[in-house]
Protein backbone atom coordinates (compact mmCIF):
# COMPACT_ATOMS: atom_id res chain seq x y z
CA MET A 1 -12.40 33.79 -34.47
CA ARG A 2 -10.35 31.00 -33.07
CA ASN A 3 -10.73 30.97 -29.29
CA THR A 4 -6.71 31.65 -28.61
CA GLU A 5 -4.85 33.20 -25.45
CA ARG A 6 -1.82 35.61 -27.27
CA TYR A 7 1.59 36.32 -25.50
CA ARG A 8 3.49 39.08 -26.89
CA VAL A 9 7.40 38.49 -27.16
CA GLU A 10 10.60 40.99 -27.21
CA SER A 11 13.39 40.61 -29.55
CA ALA A 12 13.43 37.64 -31.30
CA ASN A 13 10.65 35.55 -32.71
CA SER A 14 8.54 33.70 -30.55
CA LEU A 15 9.87 29.94 -31.45
CA TRP A 16 13.19 31.56 -29.66
CA HIS A 17 10.93 31.41 -26.43
CA ILE A 18 9.90 27.92 -26.72
CA TYR A 19 11.60 26.64 -23.73
CA LYS A 20 10.42 29.60 -21.60
CA THR A 21 6.89 28.37 -22.31
CA VAL A 22 7.19 24.91 -22.13
CA PRO A 23 9.55 22.05 -20.38
CA PHE A 24 12.24 21.00 -22.67
CA TRP A 25 11.92 17.86 -21.05
CA LYS A 26 7.92 17.47 -21.24
CA VAL A 27 8.31 18.43 -25.08
CA VAL A 28 10.95 14.98 -25.17
CA LYS A 29 8.27 12.89 -23.40
CA ASN A 30 5.62 14.13 -26.03
CA PHE A 31 7.17 13.73 -28.90
CA ILE A 32 8.24 10.13 -27.76
CA PHE A 33 4.64 8.80 -26.91
CA ILE A 34 3.40 10.94 -30.19
CA GLN A 35 5.57 8.92 -32.38
CA MET A 36 4.81 5.73 -30.83
CA ALA A 37 1.12 6.26 -31.16
CA ARG A 38 1.87 7.52 -34.83
CA TYR A 39 3.32 4.10 -36.00
CA THR A 40 1.17 1.56 -33.68
CA PRO A 41 -2.06 -0.07 -35.95
CA PHE A 42 -3.48 -0.80 -32.41
CA LEU A 43 -6.32 1.91 -31.89
CA GLY A 44 -6.78 1.12 -28.26
CA MET A 45 -3.27 1.57 -27.18
CA LYS A 46 -3.12 5.12 -29.42
CA ASN A 47 -5.93 5.89 -26.70
CA TRP A 48 -3.94 4.36 -24.03
CA LEU A 49 -0.83 6.18 -24.47
CA TYR A 50 -2.66 9.71 -25.22
CA ARG A 51 -4.54 9.33 -22.06
CA THR A 52 -2.12 8.20 -19.74
CA PHE A 53 0.96 9.99 -21.20
CA LEU A 54 0.19 13.24 -22.71
CA ARG A 55 -2.97 13.71 -20.39
CA MET A 56 -5.48 14.22 -23.47
CA LYS A 57 -9.20 13.64 -22.97
CA ILE A 58 -9.94 10.76 -25.76
CA GLY A 59 -13.83 9.14 -25.84
CA ASP A 60 -14.58 5.85 -26.23
CA GLU A 61 -14.22 3.71 -29.96
CA THR A 62 -12.28 6.77 -30.92
CA ALA A 63 -10.17 5.97 -33.80
CA PHE A 64 -6.84 8.06 -34.98
CA ALA A 65 -5.68 6.31 -38.29
CA LEU A 66 -2.17 5.97 -38.71
CA MET A 67 0.58 8.97 -38.49
CA VAL A 68 -2.00 11.79 -37.38
CA MET A 69 0.55 14.28 -35.62
CA LEU A 70 -0.60 16.06 -32.70
CA ASP A 71 0.57 19.17 -30.70
CA VAL A 72 3.85 18.04 -29.27
CA MET A 73 3.86 20.95 -27.03
CA PHE A 74 0.38 21.02 -25.56
CA PRO A 75 -1.16 17.89 -26.47
CA GLU A 76 -3.37 17.66 -22.98
CA ARG A 77 -5.13 21.16 -24.32
CA ILE A 78 -6.43 18.69 -27.19
CA SER A 79 -9.92 16.83 -26.50
CA VAL A 80 -11.84 14.27 -29.08
CA GLY A 81 -15.18 12.82 -28.09
CA ARG A 82 -16.63 9.14 -28.39
CA ASN A 83 -16.82 7.32 -31.85
CA THR A 84 -14.75 10.20 -33.39
CA VAL A 85 -12.32 9.41 -36.70
CA ILE A 86 -9.28 11.16 -36.90
CA GLY A 87 -7.53 10.58 -40.60
CA TYR A 88 -4.40 9.57 -41.81
CA ASN A 89 -1.94 12.05 -41.62
CA THR A 90 -3.97 14.77 -39.93
CA THR A 91 -1.85 17.51 -37.94
CA ILE A 92 -3.97 18.92 -34.80
CA LEU A 93 -2.57 22.28 -33.15
CA ALA A 94 -2.72 23.80 -30.10
CA HIS A 95 -0.36 26.09 -30.16
CA GLU A 96 1.03 28.71 -32.80
CA TYR A 97 4.28 30.43 -32.57
CA LEU A 98 4.48 33.81 -34.58
CA ILE A 99 7.16 36.54 -34.96
CA LYS A 100 5.97 39.20 -31.95
CA GLU A 101 3.85 36.43 -29.98
CA TYR A 102 2.48 32.97 -29.43
CA ARG A 103 -0.57 31.58 -28.95
CA LEU A 104 -2.47 28.92 -27.43
CA GLY A 105 -5.76 27.43 -27.75
CA ASP A 106 -8.06 24.34 -26.71
CA VAL A 107 -9.03 22.04 -29.44
CA LYS A 108 -12.63 20.67 -28.90
CA ILE A 109 -13.38 17.40 -31.37
CA GLY A 110 -17.09 16.22 -30.59
CA ASP A 111 -18.74 12.85 -30.36
CA GLU A 112 -19.18 11.30 -33.97
CA VAL A 113 -16.95 13.54 -35.46
CA MET A 114 -15.19 12.26 -39.00
CA ILE A 115 -12.37 14.31 -40.38
CA GLY A 116 -10.52 13.28 -43.13
CA ALA A 117 -7.26 12.93 -44.03
CA ASN A 118 -4.30 15.69 -44.17
CA THR A 119 -6.34 18.04 -42.17
CA THR A 120 -5.05 20.42 -40.28
CA ILE A 121 -7.05 21.50 -37.01
CA LEU A 122 -5.60 25.16 -35.87
CA PRO A 123 -5.69 25.87 -31.81
CA GLY A 124 -8.69 27.40 -30.54
CA VAL A 125 -11.28 25.44 -32.50
CA THR A 126 -13.83 23.63 -31.62
CA ILE A 127 -15.59 21.10 -33.95
CA GLY A 128 -19.44 20.11 -33.00
CA ASP A 129 -20.98 16.59 -32.67
CA ARG A 130 -21.43 14.39 -35.48
CA ALA A 131 -19.60 17.13 -37.98
CA ILE A 132 -17.80 16.01 -41.22
CA VAL A 133 -14.79 17.42 -41.93
CA SER A 134 -13.38 16.71 -45.66
CA ALA A 135 -9.48 15.71 -46.52
CA GLY A 136 -7.25 17.91 -47.16
CA THR A 137 -9.08 20.85 -44.89
CA LEU A 138 -7.51 23.80 -43.03
CA VAL A 139 -9.76 23.92 -39.89
CA HIS A 140 -9.32 27.70 -39.11
CA LYS A 141 -12.78 28.36 -37.29
CA ASP A 142 -15.46 26.45 -35.12
CA VAL A 143 -17.03 23.93 -37.26
CA PRO A 144 -21.06 23.60 -36.34
CA PRO A 145 -22.64 20.31 -34.86
CA GLY A 146 -23.60 18.00 -37.73
CA CYS A 147 -22.39 20.14 -40.75
CA PHE A 148 -20.14 18.88 -43.62
CA ALA A 149 -17.25 21.23 -44.01
CA GLY A 150 -14.20 21.26 -46.30
CA GLY A 151 -11.22 23.35 -48.57
CA ASN A 152 -8.76 25.58 -47.92
CA PRO A 153 -10.27 28.34 -46.44
CA MET A 154 -12.75 26.19 -45.17
CA ARG A 155 -16.37 26.89 -45.51
CA VAL A 156 -19.69 24.84 -44.74
CA ILE A 157 -20.63 22.97 -47.56
CA TYR A 158 -23.79 21.83 -45.79
CA THR A 159 -25.60 22.51 -42.67
CA LYS A 160 -26.96 20.76 -40.31
CA GLU A 161 -30.55 20.97 -41.85
CA GLU A 162 -29.10 19.92 -45.24
CA MET A 163 -27.11 17.10 -44.36
CA GLU A 164 -30.41 15.75 -42.69
CA GLU A 165 -32.21 16.18 -45.80
CA ARG A 166 -29.75 14.46 -47.69
CA ALA A 167 -29.76 11.38 -45.16
CA SER A 168 -33.72 11.44 -45.62
CA GLU A 169 -33.40 11.17 -49.54
CA ASP A 170 -31.27 8.42 -49.10
CA ASP A 171 -33.17 6.39 -46.95
CA PHE A 172 -35.87 6.78 -49.56
CA PHE A 173 -34.13 5.47 -52.59
CA ASN A 174 -32.79 2.88 -50.63
CA SER A 175 -35.72 1.67 -49.36
C-alpha cells in the first residue's frame, strides 16, 4: 500500500479544486523551472534548478535524463539520493487527483538507484538504495533495496540476494 494522505471533495471532481490545494502562481513557477530542466543537457544545472526553485532534496552526482517530468504541484515532496540515475521521459508524481478525492504522498528514491526510461512513479512510493527499476514500469508500490523490479503491474523480478548471486557469478566468469 502506498503511503498517501487522502482528502475528500464534494461536488465536482478533485481537479476542479486544484487551486484550493495549491496556489496558482506556485504551479506557474514550478512549470517554468521543470520545463527548463527537462530540456537542458547540463546535469549540474538541472540539480541546481530542482534544489533552488523546487525545494527538492537531490543527492550529489544524481543524474536526471532528458525529458524527466516532475510533479508540477508538489515537487518538494520528491527526494532523490546520491549517485542515482532517472531515465529518459520518466514521470514522478507526488499527487493524484481522482473523482471523489485527491491524494498526496512523498516519493523517496534512495542512493545508487537506476530507474529506466519511460517509467511512472506514483505518489507515496519509496524506492530503496541500489534498486533497479526496468524501463516502462509503473511503480505503484515500494521497491525493496537492492532488488530488480519491473513490469506493469510492477513486481520484484530479482531480490537483493538473487542480484548479489548474479553479480558474483558474473565476477567468476569475467575473471
